[in-house]
Amino acid sequence: MKNTISLFVLILFSCFTMSAQEIEIKGKITTYGQIPVVNADVIIQSSSQAVKTDEKGEFTCTCQAKDKLTFIANGFIKQTYKIRKKHDGIVNVDLKLSSKAGSEEKAIKAAHILELDKFRELVKLGPNYKDYSKYSTLIEALKNEFPSLKITPNEIIIRGPNSISLSSSAGIEVDGILVGLGMLRSLNPDNIASIEVIKGSQTARYGTRGANGMVVIKTKN
């Protein structure tokens, strides 16, 4: 009798432990950082079960701690996301189009994209395009997107493994024109097409103005 009770308690404890390790994940899959990817497959590694994203690109699933989620959609590069043990339950994935020709049309034909006009416009801007409209200022965008930058009220300093003690201002170029930091404060993040931080030998083409690195910005206009 005692052995039966002990076995029952052990099974009950095991079930409780397994359920305690389960995590509810809510996420969203987009492309170009803003366009929902609809009807994409989210595959849970531990159970091999799959859920699909809705019309907003959102999904909900239950998985184990340290589990893995794989995201698959026609025309896009497959991605895998590892769940951390103490995960906050939120997963945001930005799927990249495949490098194969016609991948954007595959995505459209598979009904993964509902915002067709916006999607085609971003495809024309190229794979390196990134949406900065989520930031209220361009300075905020620089701080979040490029942690290697040290931004003071008067200058931008590019830090890195080879320039950690660098104390001189980096050059700032907007649409081919050398500008000061004050100019960046007047630019709308929604109007930014690309931002590139250049350092090392790549700055040679900028001559002396690129001696301390360059922050190169191109606007949509």
N, C-alpha and C. Protein backbone atom coordinates (compact mmCIF):
# COMPACT_ATOMS: atom_id res chain seq x y z
N MET A 1 0.83 -1.21 0.00
CA MET A 1 0.00 0.00 0.00
C MET A 1 0.87 1.26 0.00
N LYS A 2 1.92 1.22 0.87
CA LYS A 2 2.82 2.37 0.94
C LYS A 2 3.51 2.60 -0.39
N ASN A 3 3.91 1.47 -1.05
CA ASN A 3 4.58 1.59 -2.35
C ASN A 3 3.66 2.20 -3.39
N THR A 4 2.36 1.83 -3.34
CA THR A 4 1.38 2.37 -4.29
C THR A 4 1.20 3.87 -4.09
N ILE A 5 1.11 4.29 -2.84
CA ILE A 5 0.96 5.72 -2.53
C ILE A 5 2.19 6.50 -2.98
N SER A 6 3.36 5.91 -2.72
CA SER A 6 4.61 6.57 -3.10
C SER A 6 4.70 6.75 -4.61
N LEU A 7 4.28 5.71 -5.36
CA LEU A 7 4.29 5.77 -6.81
C LEU A 7 3.33 6.82 -7.32
N PHE A 8 2.15 6.89 -6.69
CA PHE A 8 1.15 7.88 -7.08
C PHE A 8 1.67 9.30 -6.85
N VAL A 9 2.32 9.52 -5.71
CA VAL A 9 2.87 10.83 -5.39
C VAL A 9 3.97 11.20 -6.37
N LEU A 10 4.80 10.21 -6.74
CA LEU A 10 5.89 10.45 -7.69
C LEU A 10 5.35 10.86 -9.06
N ILE A 11 4.31 10.14 -9.50
CA ILE A 11 3.70 10.46 -10.80
C ILE A 11 3.06 11.84 -10.76
N LEU A 12 2.37 12.14 -9.67
CA LEU A 12 1.72 13.44 -9.52
C LEU A 12 2.75 14.56 -9.53
N PHE A 13 3.87 14.34 -8.83
CA PHE A 13 4.94 15.33 -8.77
C PHE A 13 5.57 15.55 -10.14
N SER A 14 5.74 14.44 -10.88
CA SER A 14 6.33 14.53 -12.23
C SER A 14 5.44 15.32 -13.16
N CYS A 15 4.13 15.07 -13.08
CA CYS A 15 3.18 15.81 -13.91
C CYS A 15 3.18 17.29 -13.58
N PHE A 16 3.25 17.57 -12.29
CA PHE A 16 3.27 18.97 -11.85
C PHE A 16 4.54 19.67 -12.33
N THR A 17 5.67 18.95 -12.25
CA THR A 17 6.95 19.53 -12.69
C THR A 17 6.94 19.81 -14.17
N MET A 18 6.40 18.87 -14.96
CA MET A 18 6.35 19.06 -16.40
C MET A 18 5.47 20.23 -16.78
N SER A 19 4.31 20.36 -16.10
CA SER A 19 3.40 21.46 -16.42
C SER A 19 3.98 22.79 -15.99
N ALA A 20 4.81 22.75 -14.90
CA ALA A 20 5.40 23.99 -14.40
C ALA A 20 6.44 24.53 -15.36
N GLN A 21 7.01 23.63 -16.19
CA GLN A 21 8.03 24.06 -17.15
C GLN A 21 7.43 24.62 -18.43
N GLU A 22 6.14 24.46 -18.61
CA GLU A 22 5.50 24.95 -19.82
C GLU A 22 5.39 26.47 -19.79
N ILE A 23 5.61 27.07 -20.95
CA ILE A 23 5.58 28.52 -21.08
C ILE A 23 4.60 28.89 -22.19
N GLU A 24 3.75 29.85 -21.92
CA GLU A 24 2.86 30.35 -22.98
C GLU A 24 3.58 31.47 -23.72
N ILE A 25 3.69 31.32 -25.02
CA ILE A 25 4.38 32.29 -25.85
C ILE A 25 3.38 33.02 -26.74
N LYS A 26 3.46 34.33 -26.72
CA LYS A 26 2.69 35.15 -27.65
C LYS A 26 3.69 35.90 -28.53
N GLY A 27 3.47 35.86 -29.80
CA GLY A 27 4.44 36.50 -30.69
C GLY A 27 3.84 37.10 -31.93
N LYS A 28 4.70 37.70 -32.71
CA LYS A 28 4.28 38.33 -33.96
C LYS A 28 5.38 38.17 -34.99
N ILE A 29 5.00 37.80 -36.20
CA ILE A 29 5.96 37.65 -37.29
C ILE A 29 5.70 38.75 -38.32
N THR A 30 6.73 39.49 -38.64
CA THR A 30 6.62 40.55 -39.63
C THR A 30 7.76 40.43 -40.64
N THR A 31 7.68 41.22 -41.68
CA THR A 31 8.79 41.36 -42.62
C THR A 31 9.04 42.86 -42.80
N TYR A 32 10.26 43.22 -43.03
CA TYR A 32 10.66 44.62 -43.06
C TYR A 32 10.28 45.34 -41.77
N GLY A 33 10.15 44.56 -40.69
CA GLY A 33 9.92 45.12 -39.37
C GLY A 33 8.54 45.67 -39.11
N GLN A 34 7.64 45.63 -40.10
CA GLN A 34 6.34 46.26 -39.88
C GLN A 34 5.18 45.57 -40.59
N ILE A 35 5.43 44.80 -41.64
CA ILE A 35 4.35 44.17 -42.39
C ILE A 35 4.07 42.76 -41.85
N PRO A 36 2.86 42.48 -41.38
CA PRO A 36 2.54 41.16 -40.83
C PRO A 36 2.70 40.04 -41.87
N VAL A 37 3.28 38.93 -41.44
CA VAL A 37 3.37 37.73 -42.28
C VAL A 37 2.25 36.80 -41.83
N VAL A 38 1.25 36.65 -42.69
CA VAL A 38 0.03 35.92 -42.38
C VAL A 38 0.16 34.44 -42.75
N ASN A 39 -0.49 33.57 -41.98
CA ASN A 39 -0.56 32.14 -42.29
C ASN A 39 0.82 31.47 -42.33
N ALA A 40 1.77 32.01 -41.57
CA ALA A 40 3.09 31.39 -41.47
C ALA A 40 3.04 30.26 -40.44
N ASP A 41 3.89 29.26 -40.60
CA ASP A 41 3.94 28.13 -39.67
C ASP A 41 4.92 28.41 -38.54
N VAL A 42 4.47 28.18 -37.31
CA VAL A 42 5.32 28.26 -36.12
C VAL A 42 5.38 26.84 -35.55
N ILE A 43 6.53 26.19 -35.68
CA ILE A 43 6.67 24.80 -35.27
C ILE A 43 7.40 24.71 -33.94
N ILE A 44 6.79 23.97 -33.00
CA ILE A 44 7.36 23.80 -31.65
C ILE A 44 8.22 22.53 -31.67
N GLN A 45 9.49 22.68 -31.38
CA GLN A 45 10.42 21.55 -31.51
C GLN A 45 10.09 20.38 -30.59
N SER A 46 9.78 20.65 -29.34
CA SER A 46 9.57 19.58 -28.36
C SER A 46 8.36 18.70 -28.68
N SER A 47 7.33 19.26 -29.30
CA SER A 47 6.11 18.51 -29.58
C SER A 47 5.86 18.30 -31.07
N SER A 48 6.63 18.99 -31.91
CA SER A 48 6.46 18.94 -33.37
C SER A 48 5.11 19.49 -33.81
N GLN A 49 4.39 20.11 -32.90
CA GLN A 49 3.11 20.74 -33.25
C GLN A 49 3.36 22.09 -33.91
N ALA A 50 2.38 22.53 -34.68
CA ALA A 50 2.52 23.80 -35.39
C ALA A 50 1.27 24.64 -35.22
N VAL A 51 1.46 25.93 -35.12
CA VAL A 51 0.35 26.89 -35.14
C VAL A 51 0.62 27.87 -36.27
N LYS A 52 -0.41 28.57 -36.67
CA LYS A 52 -0.26 29.52 -37.76
C LYS A 52 -0.53 30.94 -37.28
N THR A 53 0.10 31.90 -37.94
CA THR A 53 -0.13 33.30 -37.60
C THR A 53 -1.46 33.77 -38.18
N ASP A 54 -2.08 34.74 -37.50
CA ASP A 54 -3.36 35.26 -37.96
C ASP A 54 -3.16 36.45 -38.90
N GLU A 55 -4.24 37.18 -39.18
CA GLU A 55 -4.18 38.29 -40.13
C GLU A 55 -3.31 39.45 -39.66
N LYS A 56 -2.95 39.45 -38.38
CA LYS A 56 -2.04 40.46 -37.84
C LYS A 56 -0.61 39.94 -37.71
N GLY A 57 -0.41 38.70 -38.14
CA GLY A 57 0.91 38.08 -38.01
C GLY A 57 1.18 37.55 -36.62
N GLU A 58 0.14 37.50 -35.78
CA GLU A 58 0.32 37.11 -34.38
C GLU A 58 0.02 35.62 -34.17
N PHE A 59 0.60 35.06 -33.12
CA PHE A 59 0.38 33.65 -32.79
C PHE A 59 0.51 33.46 -31.28
N THR A 60 -0.07 32.37 -30.79
CA THR A 60 0.05 31.96 -29.39
C THR A 60 0.31 30.47 -29.35
N CYS A 61 1.26 30.04 -28.53
CA CYS A 61 1.54 28.62 -28.40
C CYS A 61 2.09 28.32 -27.01
N THR A 62 2.10 27.05 -26.66
CA THR A 62 2.64 26.60 -25.38
C THR A 62 3.82 25.67 -25.65
N CYS A 63 4.95 25.94 -25.02
CA CYS A 63 6.13 25.12 -25.23
C CYS A 63 6.89 24.93 -23.92
N GLN A 64 7.97 24.19 -23.97
CA GLN A 64 8.77 23.93 -22.78
C GLN A 64 9.85 25.00 -22.61
N ALA A 65 10.35 25.12 -21.38
CA ALA A 65 11.48 26.01 -21.14
C ALA A 65 12.66 25.50 -21.95
N LYS A 66 13.41 26.40 -22.52
CA LYS A 66 14.57 26.07 -23.38
C LYS A 66 14.15 25.35 -24.66
N ASP A 67 12.90 25.52 -25.06
CA ASP A 67 12.40 24.93 -26.30
C ASP A 67 12.88 25.77 -27.48
N LYS A 68 12.56 25.30 -28.69
CA LYS A 68 12.89 26.06 -29.89
C LYS A 68 11.66 26.19 -30.77
N LEU A 69 11.51 27.36 -31.38
CA LEU A 69 10.42 27.60 -32.33
C LEU A 69 11.04 27.84 -33.70
N THR A 70 10.45 27.22 -34.71
CA THR A 70 10.92 27.41 -36.08
C THR A 70 9.82 28.10 -36.87
N PHE A 71 10.20 29.13 -37.63
CA PHE A 71 9.22 29.94 -38.38
C PHE A 71 9.44 29.70 -39.87
N ILE A 72 8.37 29.27 -40.54
CA ILE A 72 8.46 28.92 -41.97
C ILE A 72 7.33 29.60 -42.74
N ALA A 73 7.69 30.22 -43.87
CA ALA A 73 6.71 30.83 -44.78
C ALA A 73 7.32 30.85 -46.17
N ASN A 74 6.51 30.54 -47.18
CA ASN A 74 7.00 30.51 -48.56
C ASN A 74 7.60 31.85 -48.97
N GLY A 75 8.79 31.80 -49.57
CA GLY A 75 9.44 33.01 -50.04
C GLY A 75 10.37 33.64 -49.02
N PHE A 76 10.33 33.13 -47.77
CA PHE A 76 11.15 33.70 -46.71
C PHE A 76 12.20 32.69 -46.22
N ILE A 77 13.27 33.22 -45.62
CA ILE A 77 14.30 32.37 -45.03
C ILE A 77 13.81 31.82 -43.70
N LYS A 78 13.91 30.52 -43.53
CA LYS A 78 13.48 29.87 -42.28
C LYS A 78 14.32 30.37 -41.11
N GLN A 79 13.65 30.63 -39.98
CA GLN A 79 14.35 31.08 -38.79
C GLN A 79 14.00 30.20 -37.59
N THR A 80 14.97 30.05 -36.68
CA THR A 80 14.76 29.31 -35.44
C THR A 80 15.03 30.22 -34.26
N TYR A 81 14.16 30.15 -33.27
CA TYR A 81 14.27 31.00 -32.08
C TYR A 81 14.34 30.10 -30.85
N LYS A 82 15.35 30.30 -30.00
CA LYS A 82 15.50 29.51 -28.79
C LYS A 82 14.85 30.22 -27.62
N ILE A 83 13.96 29.50 -26.93
CA ILE A 83 13.27 30.06 -25.77
C ILE A 83 14.21 30.04 -24.57
N ARG A 84 14.34 31.15 -23.91
CA ARG A 84 15.17 31.22 -22.71
C ARG A 84 14.40 30.66 -21.52
N LYS A 85 15.13 30.18 -20.51
CA LYS A 85 14.52 29.56 -19.34
C LYS A 85 13.58 30.52 -18.64
N LYS A 86 14.01 31.77 -18.49
CA LYS A 86 13.16 32.79 -17.85
C LYS A 86 12.68 33.75 -18.92
N HIS A 87 11.87 33.23 -19.82
CA HIS A 87 11.41 34.05 -20.95
C HIS A 87 10.23 34.91 -20.54
N ASP A 88 10.15 36.10 -21.12
CA ASP A 88 9.06 37.02 -20.77
C ASP A 88 7.77 36.69 -21.51
N GLY A 89 7.80 35.67 -22.38
CA GLY A 89 6.59 35.24 -23.06
C GLY A 89 6.27 35.98 -24.33
N ILE A 90 7.16 36.88 -24.77
CA ILE A 90 6.92 37.66 -25.98
C ILE A 90 8.01 37.36 -27.00
N VAL A 91 7.61 37.03 -28.23
CA VAL A 91 8.56 36.75 -29.30
C VAL A 91 8.19 37.59 -30.52
N ASN A 92 9.13 38.38 -31.00
CA ASN A 92 8.92 39.16 -32.22
C ASN A 92 9.98 38.76 -33.24
N VAL A 93 9.53 38.33 -34.42
CA VAL A 93 10.43 37.83 -35.45
C VAL A 93 10.27 38.65 -36.72
N ASP A 94 11.40 39.04 -37.30
CA ASP A 94 11.39 39.78 -38.55
C ASP A 94 11.94 38.85 -39.64
N LEU A 95 11.05 38.26 -40.44
CA LEU A 95 11.49 37.33 -41.48
C LEU A 95 12.09 38.06 -42.67
N LYS A 96 13.18 37.52 -43.19
CA LYS A 96 13.84 38.08 -44.36
C LYS A 96 13.44 37.30 -45.61
N LEU A 97 13.26 38.01 -46.71
CA LEU A 97 12.95 37.34 -47.96
C LEU A 97 14.11 36.48 -48.40
N SER A 98 13.82 35.38 -49.06
CA SER A 98 14.86 34.51 -49.60
C SER A 98 15.61 35.26 -50.69
N SER A 99 16.86 34.89 -50.90
CA SER A 99 17.68 35.54 -51.93
C SER A 99 17.33 35.03 -53.33
N LYS A 100 16.52 33.99 -53.41
CA LYS A 100 16.14 33.44 -54.71
C LYS A 100 15.22 34.40 -55.46
N ALA A 101 15.41 34.47 -56.76
CA ALA A 101 14.61 35.38 -57.59
C ALA A 101 13.12 35.03 -57.47
N GLY A 102 12.30 36.07 -57.36
CA GLY A 102 10.86 35.88 -57.29
C GLY A 102 10.35 35.48 -55.93
N SER A 103 11.18 35.59 -54.91
CA SER A 103 10.74 35.16 -53.57
C SER A 103 9.59 36.01 -53.06
N GLU A 104 9.58 37.31 -53.41
CA GLU A 104 8.47 38.15 -52.95
C GLU A 104 7.15 37.73 -53.57
N GLU A 105 7.19 37.28 -54.84
CA GLU A 105 5.97 36.82 -55.50
C GLU A 105 5.49 35.50 -54.90
N LYS A 106 6.44 34.66 -54.47
CA LYS A 106 6.06 33.41 -53.79
C LYS A 106 5.32 33.72 -52.50
N ALA A 107 5.82 34.73 -51.77
CA ALA A 107 5.18 35.12 -50.52
C ALA A 107 3.77 35.64 -50.76
N ILE A 108 3.60 36.40 -51.84
CA ILE A 108 2.29 36.96 -52.17
C ILE A 108 1.32 35.85 -52.61
N LYS A 109 1.78 34.94 -53.47
CA LYS A 109 0.93 33.86 -53.96
C LYS A 109 0.52 32.90 -52.85
N ALA A 110 1.38 32.79 -51.84
CA ALA A 110 1.06 31.92 -50.70
C ALA A 110 0.15 32.61 -49.70
N ALA A 111 -0.29 33.83 -50.02
CA ALA A 111 -1.20 34.62 -49.17
C ALA A 111 -0.59 34.95 -47.81
N HIS A 112 0.73 35.13 -47.79
CA HIS A 112 1.39 35.53 -46.55
C HIS A 112 1.34 37.04 -46.33
N ILE A 113 1.06 37.78 -47.39
CA ILE A 113 1.09 39.24 -47.31
C ILE A 113 -0.27 39.82 -47.68
N LEU A 114 -0.83 40.64 -46.79
CA LEU A 114 -2.10 41.31 -47.07
C LEU A 114 -1.88 42.76 -47.50
N GLU A 115 -0.85 43.40 -46.96
CA GLU A 115 -0.56 44.79 -47.30
C GLU A 115 0.34 44.82 -48.54
N LEU A 116 -0.25 44.52 -49.70
CA LEU A 116 0.52 44.31 -50.92
C LEU A 116 1.27 45.55 -51.40
N ASP A 117 0.60 46.70 -51.45
CA ASP A 117 1.23 47.92 -51.96
C ASP A 117 2.44 48.33 -51.11
N LYS A 118 2.26 48.29 -49.81
CA LYS A 118 3.34 48.66 -48.90
C LYS A 118 4.50 47.66 -49.00
N PHE A 119 4.16 46.39 -49.13
CA PHE A 119 5.17 45.34 -49.25
C PHE A 119 6.01 45.53 -50.51
N ARG A 120 5.34 45.76 -51.63
CA ARG A 120 6.07 45.94 -52.90
C ARG A 120 6.94 47.19 -52.87
N GLU A 121 6.46 48.24 -52.20
CA GLU A 121 7.25 49.47 -52.09
C GLU A 121 8.54 49.22 -51.31
N LEU A 122 8.46 48.45 -50.21
CA LEU A 122 9.63 48.16 -49.39
C LEU A 122 10.58 47.20 -50.10
N VAL A 123 10.04 46.29 -50.91
CA VAL A 123 10.89 45.38 -51.68
C VAL A 123 11.77 46.18 -52.64
N LYS A 124 11.21 47.23 -53.22
CA LYS A 124 11.97 48.07 -54.15
C LYS A 124 13.11 48.81 -53.44
N LEU A 125 12.92 49.11 -52.16
CA LEU A 125 13.96 49.83 -51.41
C LEU A 125 15.14 48.93 -51.08
N GLY A 126 14.96 47.61 -51.23
CA GLY A 126 16.08 46.69 -51.06
C GLY A 126 16.08 45.99 -49.71
N PRO A 127 16.84 44.89 -49.61
CA PRO A 127 16.86 44.06 -48.40
C PRO A 127 17.47 44.73 -47.17
N ASN A 128 18.27 45.78 -47.39
CA ASN A 128 18.92 46.45 -46.26
C ASN A 128 18.05 47.55 -45.65
N TYR A 129 16.87 47.76 -46.24
CA TYR A 129 15.99 48.80 -45.71
C TYR A 129 15.49 48.42 -44.33
N LYS A 130 15.44 49.39 -43.45
CA LYS A 130 14.94 49.16 -42.10
C LYS A 130 14.02 50.31 -41.72
N ASP A 131 12.95 49.97 -41.04
CA ASP A 131 11.97 50.98 -40.63
C ASP A 131 12.37 51.60 -39.29
N TYR A 132 12.58 52.92 -39.28
CA TYR A 132 12.96 53.62 -38.05
C TYR A 132 11.81 54.45 -37.48
N SER A 133 10.62 54.30 -38.04
CA SER A 133 9.49 55.12 -37.62
C SER A 133 9.02 54.83 -36.20
N LYS A 134 9.45 53.69 -35.63
CA LYS A 134 9.04 53.37 -34.27
C LYS A 134 9.73 54.25 -33.23
N TYR A 135 10.76 54.98 -33.66
CA TYR A 135 11.48 55.87 -32.75
C TYR A 135 10.96 57.29 -32.87
N SER A 136 10.94 58.00 -31.75
CA SER A 136 10.42 59.36 -31.76
C SER A 136 11.44 60.35 -32.32
N THR A 137 12.73 60.06 -32.20
CA THR A 137 13.77 60.93 -32.74
C THR A 137 14.85 60.09 -33.40
N LEU A 138 15.63 60.70 -34.27
CA LEU A 138 16.72 59.99 -34.93
C LEU A 138 17.83 59.65 -33.93
N ILE A 139 18.04 60.50 -32.94
CA ILE A 139 19.03 60.24 -31.90
C ILE A 139 18.67 58.97 -31.13
N GLU A 140 17.38 58.81 -30.84
CA GLU A 140 16.90 57.61 -30.15
C GLU A 140 17.15 56.37 -31.01
N ALA A 141 16.92 56.51 -32.31
CA ALA A 141 17.15 55.39 -33.24
C ALA A 141 18.62 54.99 -33.26
N LEU A 142 19.51 55.97 -33.28
CA LEU A 142 20.95 55.69 -33.30
C LEU A 142 21.38 54.98 -32.02
N LYS A 143 20.87 55.42 -30.89
CA LYS A 143 21.26 54.83 -29.60
C LYS A 143 20.81 53.37 -29.50
N ASN A 144 19.62 53.07 -30.02
CA ASN A 144 19.08 51.72 -29.90
C ASN A 144 19.60 50.78 -30.97
N GLU A 145 19.81 51.28 -32.17
CA GLU A 145 20.23 50.42 -33.27
C GLU A 145 21.74 50.22 -33.33
N PHE A 146 22.49 51.16 -32.76
CA PHE A 146 23.94 51.09 -32.82
C PHE A 146 24.55 51.33 -31.44
N PRO A 147 24.58 50.29 -30.60
CA PRO A 147 25.09 50.42 -29.24
C PRO A 147 26.56 50.83 -29.18
N SER A 148 27.29 50.66 -30.30
CA SER A 148 28.71 51.01 -30.30
C SER A 148 28.93 52.52 -30.36
N LEU A 149 27.86 53.26 -30.56
CA LEU A 149 27.98 54.72 -30.64
C LEU A 149 27.84 55.34 -29.25
N LYS A 150 28.71 56.30 -28.98
CA LYS A 150 28.57 57.11 -27.77
C LYS A 150 28.12 58.49 -28.23
N ILE A 151 26.91 58.86 -27.83
CA ILE A 151 26.34 60.13 -28.29
C ILE A 151 26.28 61.11 -27.13
N THR A 152 26.98 62.23 -27.28
CA THR A 152 26.98 63.29 -26.28
C THR A 152 26.19 64.47 -26.86
N PRO A 153 25.95 65.51 -26.10
CA PRO A 153 25.22 66.66 -26.64
C PRO A 153 25.91 67.32 -27.83
N ASN A 154 27.22 67.08 -27.97
CA ASN A 154 27.97 67.80 -29.01
C ASN A 154 28.58 66.93 -30.09
N GLU A 155 28.66 65.62 -29.87
CA GLU A 155 29.35 64.79 -30.85
C GLU A 155 28.92 63.33 -30.77
N ILE A 156 29.31 62.58 -31.82
CA ILE A 156 29.14 61.14 -31.86
C ILE A 156 30.52 60.51 -31.89
N ILE A 157 30.74 59.54 -31.00
CA ILE A 157 32.02 58.83 -30.96
C ILE A 157 31.76 57.37 -31.24
N ILE A 158 32.53 56.81 -32.18
CA ILE A 158 32.38 55.41 -32.53
C ILE A 158 33.33 54.59 -31.66
N ARG A 159 32.75 53.67 -30.89
CA ARG A 159 33.54 52.81 -30.02
C ARG A 159 33.58 51.41 -30.60
N GLY A 160 34.57 50.66 -30.23
CA GLY A 160 34.70 49.29 -30.71
C GLY A 160 35.96 48.66 -30.18
N PRO A 161 36.22 47.39 -30.54
CA PRO A 161 37.39 46.68 -30.04
C PRO A 161 38.71 47.40 -30.31
N ASN A 162 38.76 48.13 -31.44
CA ASN A 162 40.01 48.78 -31.83
C ASN A 162 40.01 50.28 -31.55
N SER A 163 38.90 50.77 -30.98
CA SER A 163 38.82 52.21 -30.79
C SER A 163 38.11 52.57 -29.50
N ILE A 164 38.28 51.75 -28.47
CA ILE A 164 37.54 51.95 -27.24
C ILE A 164 37.95 53.26 -26.55
N SER A 165 39.18 53.70 -26.79
CA SER A 165 39.64 54.93 -26.15
C SER A 165 39.52 56.15 -27.07
N LEU A 166 38.89 55.95 -28.22
CA LEU A 166 38.75 57.04 -29.18
C LEU A 166 37.97 58.19 -28.56
N SER A 167 38.49 59.42 -28.72
CA SER A 167 37.84 60.56 -28.10
C SER A 167 37.53 61.67 -29.09
N SER A 168 37.63 61.37 -30.38
CA SER A 168 37.36 62.37 -31.41
C SER A 168 36.03 62.11 -32.08
N SER A 169 35.43 63.17 -32.59
CA SER A 169 34.11 63.07 -33.21
C SER A 169 34.15 62.30 -34.52
N ALA A 170 33.12 61.48 -34.73
CA ALA A 170 32.95 60.80 -36.02
C ALA A 170 32.33 61.79 -37.00
N GLY A 171 32.59 61.60 -38.27
CA GLY A 171 31.96 62.42 -39.28
C GLY A 171 30.52 62.01 -39.47
N ILE A 172 29.66 62.95 -39.81
CA ILE A 172 28.24 62.65 -40.05
C ILE A 172 27.88 63.13 -41.45
N GLU A 173 27.36 62.23 -42.24
CA GLU A 173 26.99 62.56 -43.62
C GLU A 173 25.52 62.23 -43.86
N VAL A 174 24.79 63.20 -44.39
CA VAL A 174 23.38 63.00 -44.74
C VAL A 174 23.21 63.28 -46.22
N ASP A 175 22.84 62.26 -46.97
CA ASP A 175 22.65 62.38 -48.43
C ASP A 175 23.86 63.01 -49.11
N GLY A 176 25.05 62.58 -48.68
CA GLY A 176 26.29 63.05 -49.32
C GLY A 176 26.83 64.35 -48.80
N ILE A 177 26.14 64.96 -47.83
CA ILE A 177 26.57 66.26 -47.31
C ILE A 177 27.04 66.09 -45.87
N LEU A 178 28.23 66.62 -45.54
CA LEU A 178 28.76 66.56 -44.19
C LEU A 178 27.99 67.54 -43.31
N VAL A 179 27.44 67.06 -42.20
CA VAL A 179 26.62 67.90 -41.32
C VAL A 179 27.08 67.74 -39.87
N GLY A 180 26.53 68.57 -39.00
CA GLY A 180 26.80 68.48 -37.57
C GLY A 180 25.72 67.69 -36.87
N LEU A 181 25.95 67.40 -35.59
CA LEU A 181 24.99 66.62 -34.82
C LEU A 181 23.64 67.32 -34.72
N GLY A 182 23.64 68.65 -34.69
CA GLY A 182 22.39 69.40 -34.58
C GLY A 182 21.44 69.11 -35.73
N MET A 183 21.99 68.82 -36.92
CA MET A 183 21.18 68.53 -38.09
C MET A 183 20.35 67.26 -37.87
N LEU A 184 20.93 66.27 -37.17
CA LEU A 184 20.23 65.01 -36.96
C LEU A 184 19.00 65.18 -36.08
N ARG A 185 19.05 66.16 -35.19
CA ARG A 185 17.91 66.38 -34.28
C ARG A 185 16.68 66.89 -35.02
N SER A 186 16.89 67.41 -36.22
CA SER A 186 15.76 67.95 -36.99
C SER A 186 15.19 66.95 -37.99
N LEU A 187 15.83 65.78 -38.12
CA LEU A 187 15.37 64.79 -39.10
C LEU A 187 14.31 63.87 -38.49
N ASN A 188 13.30 63.57 -39.28
CA ASN A 188 12.22 62.68 -38.86
C ASN A 188 12.62 61.22 -39.13
N PRO A 189 12.62 60.36 -38.12
CA PRO A 189 13.02 58.95 -38.32
C PRO A 189 12.20 58.26 -39.41
N ASP A 190 10.96 58.68 -39.60
CA ASP A 190 10.10 58.07 -40.61
C ASP A 190 10.61 58.35 -42.02
N ASN A 191 11.49 59.35 -42.17
CA ASN A 191 11.99 59.73 -43.48
C ASN A 191 13.39 59.17 -43.75
N ILE A 192 13.86 58.27 -42.88
CA ILE A 192 15.20 57.71 -43.03
C ILE A 192 15.14 56.39 -43.82
N ALA A 193 15.94 56.31 -44.89
CA ALA A 193 15.99 55.10 -45.71
C ALA A 193 17.04 54.13 -45.20
N SER A 194 18.19 54.65 -44.74
CA SER A 194 19.25 53.77 -44.25
C SER A 194 20.22 54.53 -43.36
N ILE A 195 20.84 53.80 -42.43
CA ILE A 195 21.88 54.33 -41.56
C ILE A 195 23.03 53.34 -41.57
N GLU A 196 24.25 53.83 -41.78
CA GLU A 196 25.42 52.97 -41.82
C GLU A 196 26.53 53.57 -40.98
N VAL A 197 27.11 52.76 -40.11
CA VAL A 197 28.25 53.19 -39.30
C VAL A 197 29.50 52.57 -39.91
N ILE A 198 30.43 53.42 -40.33
CA ILE A 198 31.64 52.96 -41.02
C ILE A 198 32.87 53.31 -40.20
N LYS A 199 33.77 52.33 -40.07
CA LYS A 199 35.02 52.58 -39.36
C LYS A 199 36.13 51.73 -39.96
N GLY A 200 37.36 51.98 -39.52
CA GLY A 200 38.49 51.22 -40.04
C GLY A 200 38.86 51.61 -41.45
N SER A 201 39.36 50.66 -42.21
CA SER A 201 39.86 50.92 -43.57
C SER A 201 38.77 51.37 -44.52
N GLN A 202 37.51 51.05 -44.18
CA GLN A 202 36.41 51.43 -45.08
C GLN A 202 36.19 52.93 -45.15
N THR A 203 36.76 53.68 -44.20
CA THR A 203 36.57 55.13 -44.19
C THR A 203 37.57 55.85 -45.09
N ALA A 204 38.46 55.10 -45.73
CA ALA A 204 39.51 55.72 -46.57
C ALA A 204 38.92 56.62 -47.66
N ARG A 205 37.78 56.22 -48.18
CA ARG A 205 37.18 57.01 -49.28
C ARG A 205 36.67 58.37 -48.82
N TYR A 206 36.59 58.57 -47.49
CA TYR A 206 36.12 59.85 -46.97
C TYR A 206 37.26 60.80 -46.62
N GLY A 207 38.51 60.32 -46.82
CA GLY A 207 39.66 61.18 -46.55
C GLY A 207 39.80 61.52 -45.07
N THR A 208 40.29 62.72 -44.77
CA THR A 208 40.55 63.12 -43.39
C THR A 208 39.27 63.24 -42.57
N ARG A 209 38.16 63.54 -43.21
CA ARG A 209 36.91 63.70 -42.45
C ARG A 209 36.40 62.38 -41.89
N GLY A 210 36.93 61.27 -42.43
CA GLY A 210 36.51 59.97 -41.95
C GLY A 210 37.52 59.32 -41.02
N ALA A 211 38.48 60.10 -40.54
CA ALA A 211 39.55 59.55 -39.70
C ALA A 211 39.03 58.90 -38.43
N ASN A 212 37.94 59.40 -37.89
CA ASN A 212 37.37 58.86 -36.64
C ASN A 212 36.10 58.06 -36.89
N GLY A 213 35.92 57.62 -38.14
CA GLY A 213 34.72 56.87 -38.49
C GLY A 213 33.64 57.78 -39.05
N MET A 214 32.63 57.18 -39.67
CA MET A 214 31.56 57.95 -40.29
C MET A 214 30.20 57.34 -39.95
N VAL A 215 29.23 58.22 -39.75
CA VAL A 215 27.83 57.83 -39.63
C VAL A 215 27.16 58.35 -40.90
N VAL A 216 26.80 57.43 -41.80
CA VAL A 216 26.27 57.81 -43.11
C VAL A 216 24.77 57.54 -43.15
N ILE A 217 24.00 58.59 -43.41
CA ILE A 217 22.54 58.50 -43.40
C ILE A 217 21.99 58.88 -44.77
N LYS A 218 21.02 58.11 -45.23
CA LYS A 218 20.34 58.44 -46.49
C LYS A 218 18.85 58.56 -46.20
N THR A 219 18.26 59.61 -46.74
CA THR A 219 16.83 59.81 -46.53
C THR A 219 16.02 59.29 -47.72
N LYS A 220 14.74 59.09 -47.52
CA LYS A 220 13.86 58.59 -48.59
C LYS A 220 13.69 59.60 -49.69
N ASN A 221 13.92 60.89 -49.39
CA ASN A 221 13.72 61.92 -50.39
C ASN A 221 14.96 62.15 -51.22
